[in-house]
C-alpha cells in the first residue's frame, strides 16, 4: 500500500460510483463493484441516525482499476466537496 494523496480525474456513473479514473497519465477502468468508504458506527446508533437523518452522499470509494496493459490496482479515492476534485488517497497493488 502506498499513501498517495494526489489529485486524480474520476468519471462516475449516474448513481455516483466511479467507473473510470486517470492517474499519472494512465487510464484505469473500474473492473469490480466499487465499495463506499464510510466511518464505522455502531449498529444501534446507525439505525437511530437513519431514522432522523437522510443518508449522506458517498464521498469516498475503494475500487479496482485495470489499465489497458492489464495492470490492476486497488484505489481509495475521495471527493473534495469544497473544490469539486477527487483525491487518490491510497493505491494497492
PDB file of N, CA and C in Angstrom:
ATOM      1  N   UNK A   1       0.843  -1.172   0.000  1.00  0.00           N
ATOM      2  CA  UNK A   1       0.000   0.000   0.000  1.00  0.00           C
ATOM      3  C   UNK A   1       0.887   1.232   0.000  1.00  0.00           C
ATOM      4  N   UNK A   2       0.490   2.199  -0.786  1.00  0.00           N
ATOM      5  CA  UNK A   2       1.197   3.471  -0.827  1.00  0.00           C
ATOM      6  C   UNK A   2       0.228   4.598  -0.494  1.00  0.00           C
ATOM      7  N   UNK A   3       0.614   5.485   0.396  1.00  0.00           N
ATOM      8  CA  UNK A   3      -0.173   6.669   0.673  1.00  0.00           C
ATOM      9  C   UNK A   3       0.152   7.678  -0.419  1.00  0.00           C
ATOM     10  N   UNK A   4      -0.853   8.086  -1.183  1.00  0.00           N
ATOM     11  CA  UNK A   4      -0.610   8.887  -2.373  1.00  0.00           C
ATOM     12  C   UNK A   4      -0.992  10.354  -2.146  1.00  0.00           C
ATOM     13  N   UNK A   5      -2.275  10.613  -1.883  1.00  0.00           N
ATOM     14  CA  UNK A   5      -2.815  11.957  -1.674  1.00  0.00           C
ATOM     15  C   UNK A   5      -2.514  12.897  -2.851  1.00  0.00           C
ATOM     16  N   UNK A   6      -2.878  12.448  -4.059  1.00  0.00           N
ATOM     17  CA  UNK A   6      -2.720  13.232  -5.274  1.00  0.00           C
ATOM     18  C   UNK A   6      -4.080  13.450  -5.920  1.00  0.00           C
ATOM     19  N   UNK A   7      -4.176  14.491  -6.725  1.00  0.00           N
ATOM     20  CA  UNK A   7      -5.398  14.731  -7.490  1.00  0.00           C
ATOM     21  C   UNK A   7      -5.497  13.690  -8.591  1.00  0.00           C
ATOM     22  N   UNK A   8      -6.707  13.197  -8.823  1.00  0.00           N
ATOM     23  CA  UNK A   8      -6.956  12.185  -9.849  1.00  0.00           C
ATOM     24  C   UNK A   8      -8.250  12.560 -10.572  1.00  0.00           C
ATOM     25  N   UNK A   9      -8.324  12.279 -11.866  1.00  0.00           N
ATOM     26  CA  UNK A   9      -9.557  12.514 -12.632  1.00  0.00           C
ATOM     27  C   UNK A   9     -10.433  11.278 -12.514  1.00  0.00           C
ATOM     28  N   UNK A  10     -11.709  11.476 -12.168  1.00  0.00           N
ATOM     29  CA  UNK A  10     -12.631  10.360 -11.961  1.00  0.00           C
ATOM     30  C   UNK A  10     -13.909  10.614 -12.744  1.00  0.00           C
ATOM     31  N   UNK A  11     -14.396   9.581 -13.428  1.00  0.00           N
ATOM     32  CA  UNK A  11     -15.691   9.615 -14.084  1.00  0.00           C
ATOM     33  C   UNK A  11     -16.609   8.726 -13.266  1.00  0.00           C
ATOM     34  N   UNK A  12     -17.838   9.174 -13.063  1.00  0.00           N
ATOM     35  CA  UNK A  12     -18.775   8.420 -12.234  1.00  0.00           C
ATOM     36  C   UNK A  12     -20.014   8.043 -13.029  1.00  0.00           C
ATOM     37  N   UNK A  13     -20.682   7.006 -12.561  1.00  0.00           N
ATOM     38  CA  UNK A  13     -21.946   6.562 -13.152  1.00  0.00           C
ATOM     39  C   UNK A  13     -23.053   7.532 -12.751  1.00  0.00           C
ATOM     40  N   UNK A  14     -24.220   7.423 -13.364  1.00  0.00           N
ATOM     41  CA  UNK A  14     -25.347   8.271 -12.930  1.00  0.00           C
ATOM     42  C   UNK A  14     -25.689   8.091 -11.444  1.00  0.00           C
ATOM     43  N   UNK A  15     -25.361   6.930 -10.899  1.00  0.00           N
ATOM     44  CA  UNK A  15     -25.617   6.675  -9.471  1.00  0.00           C
ATOM     45  C   UNK A  15     -24.531   7.262  -8.587  1.00  0.00           C
ATOM     46  N   UNK A  16     -23.413   7.706  -9.177  1.00  0.00           N
ATOM     47  CA  UNK A  16     -22.358   8.348  -8.400  1.00  0.00           C
ATOM     48  C   UNK A  16     -21.148   7.493  -8.091  1.00  0.00           C
ATOM     49  N   UNK A  17     -21.137   6.224  -8.498  1.00  0.00           N
ATOM     50  CA  UNK A  17     -19.975   5.373  -8.234  1.00  0.00           C
ATOM     51  C   UNK A  17     -18.949   5.524  -9.355  1.00  0.00           C
ATOM     52  N   UNK A  18     -17.663   5.363  -9.039  1.00  0.00           N
ATOM     53  CA  UNK A  18     -16.622   5.544 -10.056  1.00  0.00           C
ATOM     54  C   UNK A  18     -16.677   4.447 -11.126  1.00  0.00           C
ATOM     55  N   UNK A  19     -16.424   4.845 -12.384  1.00  0.00           N
ATOM     56  CA  UNK A  19     -16.375   3.886 -13.486  1.00  0.00           C
ATOM     57  C   UNK A  19     -15.045   3.938 -14.229  1.00  0.00           C
ATOM     58  N   UNK A  20     -14.322   5.057 -14.092  1.00  0.00           N
ATOM     59  CA  UNK A  20     -13.042   5.213 -14.776  1.00  0.00           C
ATOM     60  C   UNK A  20     -12.246   6.270 -14.042  1.00  0.00           C
ATOM     61  N   UNK A  21     -10.924   6.140 -14.076  1.00  0.00           N
ATOM     62  CA  UNK A  21     -10.079   7.182 -13.497  1.00  0.00           C
ATOM     63  C   UNK A  21      -8.783   7.276 -14.277  1.00  0.00           C
ATOM     64  N   UNK A  22      -8.196   8.455 -14.219  1.00  0.00           N
ATOM     65  CA  UNK A  22      -6.894   8.688 -14.834  1.00  0.00           C
ATOM     66  C   UNK A  22      -5.969   9.188 -13.749  1.00  0.00           C
ATOM     67  N   UNK A  23      -4.851   8.459 -13.604  1.00  0.00           N
ATOM     68  CA  UNK A  23      -3.855   8.802 -12.586  1.00  0.00           C
ATOM     69  C   UNK A  23      -2.477   8.716 -13.227  1.00  0.00           C
ATOM     70  N   UNK A  24      -1.707   9.791 -13.089  1.00  0.00           N
ATOM     71  CA  UNK A  24      -0.355   9.854 -13.660  1.00  0.00           C
ATOM     72  C   UNK A  24      -0.350   9.473 -15.141  1.00  0.00           C
ATOM     73  N   UNK A  25      -1.316  10.036 -15.875  1.00  0.00           N
ATOM     74  CA  UNK A  25      -1.459   9.867 -17.327  1.00  0.00           C
ATOM     75  C   UNK A  25      -1.789   8.429 -17.737  1.00  0.00           C
ATOM     76  N   UNK A  26      -2.270   7.599 -16.797  1.00  0.00           N
ATOM     77  CA  UNK A  26      -2.704   6.235 -17.121  1.00  0.00           C
ATOM     78  C   UNK A  26      -4.189   6.103 -16.856  1.00  0.00           C
ATOM     79  N   UNK A  27      -4.888   5.527 -17.824  1.00  0.00           N
ATOM     80  CA  UNK A  27      -6.333   5.334 -17.683  1.00  0.00           C
ATOM     81  C   UNK A  27      -6.606   3.958 -17.079  1.00  0.00           C
ATOM     82  N   UNK A  28      -7.486   3.938 -16.078  1.00  0.00           N
ATOM     83  CA  UNK A  28      -7.903   2.706 -15.430  1.00  0.00           C
ATOM     84  C   UNK A  28      -9.422   2.597 -15.518  1.00  0.00           C
ATOM     85  N   UNK A  29      -9.904   1.464 -16.005  1.00  0.00           N
ATOM     86  CA  UNK A  29     -11.337   1.180 -15.979  1.00  0.00           C
ATOM     87  C   UNK A  29     -11.651   0.473 -14.666  1.00  0.00           C
ATOM     88  N   UNK A  30     -12.743   0.824 -14.024  1.00  0.00           N
ATOM     89  CA  UNK A  30     -13.143   0.153 -12.789  1.00  0.00           C
ATOM     90  C   UNK A  30     -13.666  -1.222 -13.174  1.00  0.00           C
ATOM     91  N   UNK A  31     -13.032  -2.260 -12.626  1.00  0.00           N
ATOM     92  CA  UNK A  31     -13.331  -3.633 -13.026  1.00  0.00           C
ATOM     93  C   UNK A  31     -13.886  -4.480 -11.888  1.00  0.00           C
ATOM     94  N   UNK A  32     -14.469  -3.831 -10.900  1.00  0.00           N
ATOM     95  CA  UNK A  32     -15.164  -4.541  -9.833  1.00  0.00           C
ATOM     96  C   UNK A  32     -16.334  -3.685  -9.386  1.00  0.00           C
ATOM     97  N   UNK A  33     -17.006  -4.098  -8.355  1.00  0.00           N
ATOM     98  CA  UNK A  33     -18.080  -3.278  -7.780  1.00  0.00           C
ATOM     99  C   UNK A  33     -17.458  -2.355  -6.744  1.00  0.00           C
ATOM    100  N   UNK A  34     -17.481  -1.036  -6.971  1.00  0.00           N
ATOM    101  CA  UNK A  34     -16.876  -0.113  -6.007  1.00  0.00           C
ATOM    102  C   UNK A  34     -17.547  -0.224  -4.635  1.00  0.00           C
ATOM    103  N   UNK A  35     -16.722  -0.073  -3.606  1.00  0.00           N
ATOM    104  CA  UNK A  35     -17.201  -0.153  -2.227  1.00  0.00           C
ATOM    105  C   UNK A  35     -17.191   1.245  -1.612  1.00  0.00           C
ATOM    106  N   UNK A  36     -18.348   1.710  -1.111  1.00  0.00           N
ATOM    107  CA  UNK A  36     -18.335   3.012  -0.433  1.00  0.00           C
ATOM    108  C   UNK A  36     -17.543   2.924   0.859  1.00  0.00           C
ATOM    109  N   UNK A  37     -16.740   3.937   1.123  1.00  0.00           N
ATOM    110  CA  UNK A  37     -15.970   4.009   2.370  1.00  0.00           C
ATOM    111  C   UNK A  37     -16.669   4.995   3.294  1.00  0.00           C
ATOM    112  N   UNK A  38     -17.073   4.509   4.443  1.00  0.00           N
ATOM    113  CA  UNK A  38     -17.769   5.344   5.412  1.00  0.00           C
ATOM    114  C   UNK A  38     -17.152   5.134   6.779  1.00  0.00           C
ATOM    115  N   UNK A  39     -17.379   6.086   7.654  1.00  0.00           N
ATOM    116  CA  UNK A  39     -16.924   5.933   9.036  1.00  0.00           C
ATOM    117  C   UNK A  39     -17.736   4.832   9.694  1.00  0.00           C
ATOM    118  N   UNK A  40     -17.096   4.024  10.502  1.00  0.00           N
ATOM    119  CA  UNK A  40     -17.826   2.954  11.172  1.00  0.00           C
ATOM    120  C   UNK A  40     -18.614   3.525  12.352  1.00  0.00           C
ATOM    121  N   UNK A  41     -19.842   3.071  12.456  1.00  0.00           N
ATOM    122  CA  UNK A  41     -20.735   3.496  13.535  1.00  0.00           C
ATOM    123  C   UNK A  41     -21.364   2.235  14.097  1.00  0.00           C
ATOM    124  N   UNK A  42     -21.578   2.190  15.387  1.00  0.00           N
ATOM    125  CA  UNK A  42     -22.201   1.009  15.968  1.00  0.00           C
ATOM    126  C   UNK A  42     -23.630   0.883  15.442  1.00  0.00           C
ATOM    127  N   UNK A  43     -24.091  -0.343  15.300  1.00  0.00           N
ATOM    128  CA  UNK A  43     -25.371  -0.605  14.649  1.00  0.00           C
ATOM    129  C   UNK A  43     -26.547   0.140  15.283  1.00  0.00           C
ATOM    130  N   UNK A  44     -26.771   0.091  16.606  1.00  0.00           N
ATOM    131  CA  UNK A  44     -27.922   0.828  17.155  1.00  0.00           C
ATOM    132  C   UNK A  44     -27.850   2.333  16.859  1.00  0.00           C
ATOM    133  N   UNK A  45     -26.655   2.925  16.991  1.00  0.00           N
ATOM    134  CA  UNK A  45     -26.508   4.350  16.706  1.00  0.00           C
ATOM    135  C   UNK A  45     -26.795   4.646  15.238  1.00  0.00           C
ATOM    136  N   UNK A  46     -26.337   3.774  14.361  1.00  0.00           N
ATOM    137  CA  UNK A  46     -26.549   3.972  12.931  1.00  0.00           C
ATOM    138  C   UNK A  46     -28.033   3.910  12.588  1.00  0.00           C
ATOM    139  N   UNK A  47     -28.747   2.952  13.164  1.00  0.00           N
ATOM    140  CA  UNK A  47     -30.180   2.845  12.896  1.00  0.00           C
ATOM    141  C   UNK A  47     -30.927   4.078  13.385  1.00  0.00           C
ATOM    142  N   UNK A  48     -30.605   4.552  14.573  1.00  0.00           N
ATOM    143  CA  UNK A  48     -31.252   5.758  15.094  1.00  0.00           C
ATOM    144  C   UNK A  48     -30.930   6.962  14.222  1.00  0.00           C
ATOM    145  N   UNK A  49     -29.683   7.052  13.753  1.00  0.00           N
ATOM    146  CA  UNK A  49     -29.289   8.168  12.905  1.00  0.00           C
ATOM    147  C   UNK A  49     -30.105   8.184  11.617  1.00  0.00           C
ATOM    148  N   UNK A  50     -30.285   7.017  10.978  1.00  0.00           N
ATOM    149  CA  UNK A  50     -31.007   6.973   9.715  1.00  0.00           C
ATOM    150  C   UNK A  50     -32.502   7.194   9.881  1.00  0.00           C
ATOM    151  N   UNK A  51     -33.019   7.021  11.090  1.00  0.00           N
ATOM    152  CA  UNK A  51     -34.427   7.332  11.326  1.00  0.00           C
ATOM    153  C   UNK A  51     -34.677   8.834  11.333  1.00  0.00           C
ATOM    154  N   UNK A  52     -33.661   9.604  11.700  1.00  0.00           N
ATOM    155  CA  UNK A  52     -33.846  11.049  11.826  1.00  0.00           C
ATOM    156  C   UNK A  52     -33.098  11.870  10.787  1.00  0.00           C
ATOM    157  N   UNK A  53     -32.164  11.263  10.053  1.00  0.00           N
ATOM    158  CA  UNK A  53     -31.353  11.995   9.083  1.00  0.00           C
ATOM    159  C   UNK A  53     -31.309  11.241   7.755  1.00  0.00           C
ATOM    160  N   UNK A  54     -31.388  11.946   6.647  1.00  0.00           N
ATOM    161  CA  UNK A  54     -31.230  11.258   5.360  1.00  0.00           C
ATOM    162  C   UNK A  54     -29.785  10.794   5.204  1.00  0.00           C
ATOM    163  N   UNK A  55     -29.575   9.735   4.435  1.00  0.00           N
ATOM    164  CA  UNK A  55     -28.190   9.279   4.246  1.00  0.00           C
ATOM    165  C   UNK A  55     -27.357  10.321   3.505  1.00  0.00           C
ATOM    166  N   UNK A  56     -26.101  10.435   3.897  1.00  0.00           N
ATOM    167  CA  UNK A  56     -25.202  11.375   3.226  1.00  0.00           C
ATOM    168  C   UNK A  56     -24.707  10.750   1.929  1.00  0.00           C
ATOM    169  N   UNK A  57     -24.443  11.573   0.906  1.00  0.00           N
ATOM    170  CA  UNK A  57     -23.866  11.004  -0.307  1.00  0.00           C
ATOM    171  C   UNK A  57     -22.484  10.428  -0.029  1.00  0.00           C
ATOM    172  N   UNK A  58     -22.154   9.375  -0.735  1.00  0.00           N
ATOM    173  CA  UNK A  58     -20.853   8.740  -0.546  1.00  0.00           C
ATOM    174  C   UNK A  58     -19.777   9.659  -1.097  1.00  0.00           C
ATOM    175  N   UNK A  59     -18.778   9.949  -0.295  1.00  0.00           N
ATOM    176  CA  UNK A  59     -17.705  10.853  -0.717  1.00  0.00           C
ATOM    177  C   UNK A  59     -16.400  10.123  -0.968  1.00  0.00           C
ATOM    178  N   UNK A  60     -16.323   8.857  -0.575  1.00  0.00           N
ATOM    179  CA  UNK A  60     -15.078   8.102  -0.769  1.00  0.00           C
ATOM    180  C   UNK A  60     -15.419   6.686  -1.220  1.00  0.00           C
ATOM    181  N   UNK A  61     -14.543   6.130  -2.061  1.00  0.00           N
ATOM    182  CA  UNK A  61     -14.761   4.806  -2.636  1.00  0.00           C
ATOM    183  C   UNK A  61     -13.467   4.013  -2.648  1.00  0.00           C
ATOM    184  N   UNK A  62     -13.593   2.687  -2.599  1.00  0.00           N
ATOM    185  CA  UNK A  62     -12.493   1.766  -2.878  1.00  0.00           C
ATOM    186  C   UNK A  62     -12.917   0.960  -4.105  1.00  0.00           C
ATOM    187  N   UNK A  63     -12.035   0.927  -5.106  1.00  0.00           N
ATOM    188  CA  UNK A  63     -12.367   0.201  -6.322  1.00  0.00           C
ATOM    189  C   UNK A  63     -11.101  -0.360  -6.950  1.00  0.00           C
ATOM    190  N   UNK A  64     -11.287  -1.401  -7.741  1.00  0.00           N
ATOM    191  CA  UNK A  64     -10.179  -1.965  -8.515  1.00  0.00           C
ATOM    192  C   UNK A  64     -10.218  -1.346  -9.894  1.00  0.00           C
ATOM    193  N   UNK A  65      -9.072  -0.883 -10.356  1.00  0.00           N
ATOM    194  CA  UNK A  65      -8.963  -0.337 -11.702  1.00  0.00           C
ATOM    195  C   UNK A  65      -7.958  -1.141 -12.500  1.00  0.00           C
ATOM    196  N   UNK A  66      -8.268  -1.361 -13.775  1.00  0.00           N
ATOM    197  CA  UNK A  66      -7.382  -2.110 -14.652  1.00  0.00           C
ATOM    198  C   UNK A  66      -7.006  -1.240 -15.837  1.00  0.00           C
ATOM    199  N   UNK A  67      -5.698  -1.132 -16.093  1.00  0.00           N
ATOM    200  CA  UNK A  67      -5.179  -0.344 -17.213  1.00  0.00           C
ATOM    201  C   UNK A  67      -5.247  -1.176 -18.494  1.00  0.00           C
ATOM    202  N   UNK A  68      -5.031  -0.517 -19.630  1.00  0.00           N
ATOM    203  CA  UNK A  68      -5.076  -1.200 -20.925  1.00  0.00           C
ATOM    204  C   UNK A  68      -4.046  -2.322 -21.030  1.00  0.00           C
ATOM    205  N   UNK A  69      -2.934  -2.207 -20.304  1.00  0.00           N
ATOM    206  CA  UNK A  69      -1.897  -3.241 -20.371  1.00  0.00           C
ATOM    207  C   UNK A  69      -2.161  -4.407 -19.410  1.00  0.00           C
ATOM    208  N   UNK A  70      -3.313  -4.383 -18.710  1.00  0.00           N
ATOM    209  CA  UNK A  70      -3.685  -5.463 -17.800  1.00  0.00           C
ATOM    210  C   UNK A  70      -3.277  -5.252 -16.359  1.00  0.00           C
ATOM    211  N   UNK A  71      -2.539  -4.193 -16.070  1.00  0.00           N
ATOM    212  CA  UNK A  71      -2.152  -3.881 -14.692  1.00  0.00           C
ATOM    213  C   UNK A  71      -3.388  -3.526 -13.884  1.00  0.00           C
ATOM    214  N   UNK A  72      -3.573  -4.176 -12.739  1.00  0.00           N
ATOM    215  CA  UNK A  72      -4.706  -3.883 -11.855  1.00  0.00           C
ATOM    216  C   UNK A  72      -4.199  -3.354 -10.526  1.00  0.00           C
ATOM    217  N   UNK A  73      -4.838  -2.310 -10.044  1.00  0.00           N
ATOM    218  CA  UNK A  73      -4.549  -1.722  -8.746  1.00  0.00           C
ATOM    219  C   UNK A  73      -5.870  -1.484  -8.025  1.00  0.00           C
ATOM    220  N   UNK A  74      -5.810  -1.414  -6.708  1.00  0.00           N
ATOM    221  CA  UNK A  74      -6.973  -1.030  -5.907  1.00  0.00           C
ATOM    222  C   UNK A  74      -6.734   0.394  -5.447  1.00  0.00           C
ATOM    223  N   UNK A  75      -7.754   1.237  -5.613  1.00  0.00           N
ATOM    224  CA  UNK A  75      -7.648   2.656  -5.309  1.00  0.00           C
ATOM    225  C   UNK A  75      -8.634   3.056  -4.226  1.00  0.00           C
ATOM    226  N   UNK A  76      -8.202   3.900  -3.306  1.00  0.00           N
ATOM    227  CA  UNK A  76      -9.097   4.601  -2.381  1.00  0.00           C
ATOM    228  C   UNK A  76      -9.143   6.039  -2.864  1.00  0.00           C
ATOM    229  N   UNK A  77     -10.331   6.488  -3.263  1.00  0.00           N
ATOM    230  CA  UNK A  77     -10.479   7.848  -3.782  1.00  0.00           C
ATOM    231  C   UNK A  77     -11.525   8.585  -2.967  1.00  0.00           C
ATOM    232  N   UNK A  78     -11.345   9.898  -2.853  1.00  0.00           N
ATOM    233  CA  UNK A  78     -12.257  10.719  -2.059  1.00  0.00           C
ATOM    234  C   UNK A  78     -12.578  11.999  -2.808  1.00  0.00           C
ATOM    235  N   UNK A  79     -13.861  12.355  -2.820  1.00  0.00           N
ATOM    236  CA  UNK A  79     -14.298  13.584  -3.469  1.00  0.00           C
ATOM    237  C   UNK A  79     -14.180  14.746  -2.494  1.00  0.00           C
ATOM    238  N   UNK A  80     -13.618  15.833  -2.970  1.00  0.00           N
ATOM    239  CA  UNK A  80     -13.487  17.054  -2.175  1.00  0.00           C
ATOM    240  C   UNK A  80     -14.675  17.947  -2.504  1.00  0.00           C
ATOM    241  N   UNK A  81     -15.650  17.997  -1.605  1.00  0.00           N
ATOM    242  CA  UNK A  81     -16.859  18.776  -1.862  1.00  0.00           C
ATOM    243  C   UNK A  81     -16.565  20.248  -2.100  1.00  0.00           C
ATOM    244  N   UNK A  82     -15.616  20.799  -1.367  1.00  0.00           N
ATOM    245  CA  UNK A  82     -15.311  22.219  -1.500  1.00  0.00           C
ATOM    246  C   UNK A  82     -14.695  22.583  -2.832  1.00  0.00           C
ATOM    247  N   UNK A  83     -13.788  21.752  -3.333  1.00  0.00           N
ATOM    248  CA  UNK A  83     -13.075  22.068  -4.559  1.00  0.00           C
ATOM    249  C   UNK A  83     -13.595  21.352  -5.785  1.00  0.00           C
ATOM    250  N   UNK A  84     -14.489  20.378  -5.599  1.00  0.00           N
ATOM    251  CA  UNK A  84     -15.028  19.644  -6.728  1.00  0.00           C
ATOM    252  C   UNK A  84     -14.040  18.696  -7.378  1.00  0.00           C
ATOM    253  N   UNK A  85     -12.948  18.377  -6.706  1.00  0.00           N
ATOM    254  CA  UNK A  85     -11.928  17.483  -7.247  1.00  0.00           C
ATOM    255  C   UNK A  85     -11.930  16.162  -6.504  1.00  0.00           C
ATOM    256  N   UNK A  86     -11.286  15.190  -7.121  1.00  0.00           N
ATOM    257  CA  UNK A  86     -11.089  13.889  -6.496  1.00  0.00           C
ATOM    258  C   UNK A  86      -9.637  13.754  -6.083  1.00  0.00           C
ATOM    259  N   UNK A  87      -9.424  13.121  -4.937  1.00  0.00           N
ATOM    260  CA  UNK A  87      -8.069  12.829  -4.447  1.00  0.00           C
ATOM    261  C   UNK A  87      -7.886  11.326  -4.399  1.00  0.00           C
ATOM    262  N   UNK A  88      -6.736  10.883  -4.862  1.00  0.00           N
ATOM    263  CA  UNK A  88      -6.344   9.498  -4.696  1.00  0.00           C
ATOM    264  C   UNK A  88      -5.630   9.412  -3.355  1.00  0.00           C
ATOM    265  N   UNK A  89      -6.246   8.725  -2.406  1.00  0.00           N
ATOM    266  CA  UNK A  89      -5.672   8.615  -1.059  1.00  0.00           C
ATOM    267  C   UNK A  89      -4.620   7.526  -0.981  1.00  0.00           C
ATOM    268  N   UNK A  90      -4.945   6.346  -1.521  1.00  0.00           N
ATOM    269  CA  UNK A  90      -4.048   5.188  -1.453  1.00  0.00           C
ATOM    270  C   UNK A  90      -4.187   4.361  -2.719  1.00  0.00           C
ATOM    271  N   UNK A  91      -3.118   3.654  -3.046  1.00  0.00           N
ATOM    272  CA  UNK A  91      -3.133   2.693  -4.140  1.00  0.00           C
ATOM    273  C   UNK A  91      -2.505   1.397  -3.635  1.00  0.00           C
ATOM    274  N   UNK A  92      -3.132   0.290  -3.939  1.00  0.00           N
ATOM    275  CA  UNK A  92      -2.657  -1.032  -3.517  1.00  0.00           C
ATOM    276  C   UNK A  92      -2.377  -1.861  -4.760  1.00  0.00           C
ATOM    277  N   UNK A  93      -1.278  -2.586  -4.755  1.00  0.00           N
ATOM    278  CA  UNK A  93      -1.022  -3.469  -5.903  1.00  0.00           C
ATOM    279  C   UNK A  93      -1.125  -4.922  -5.520  1.00  0.00           C
TER     280      UNK A  93
END
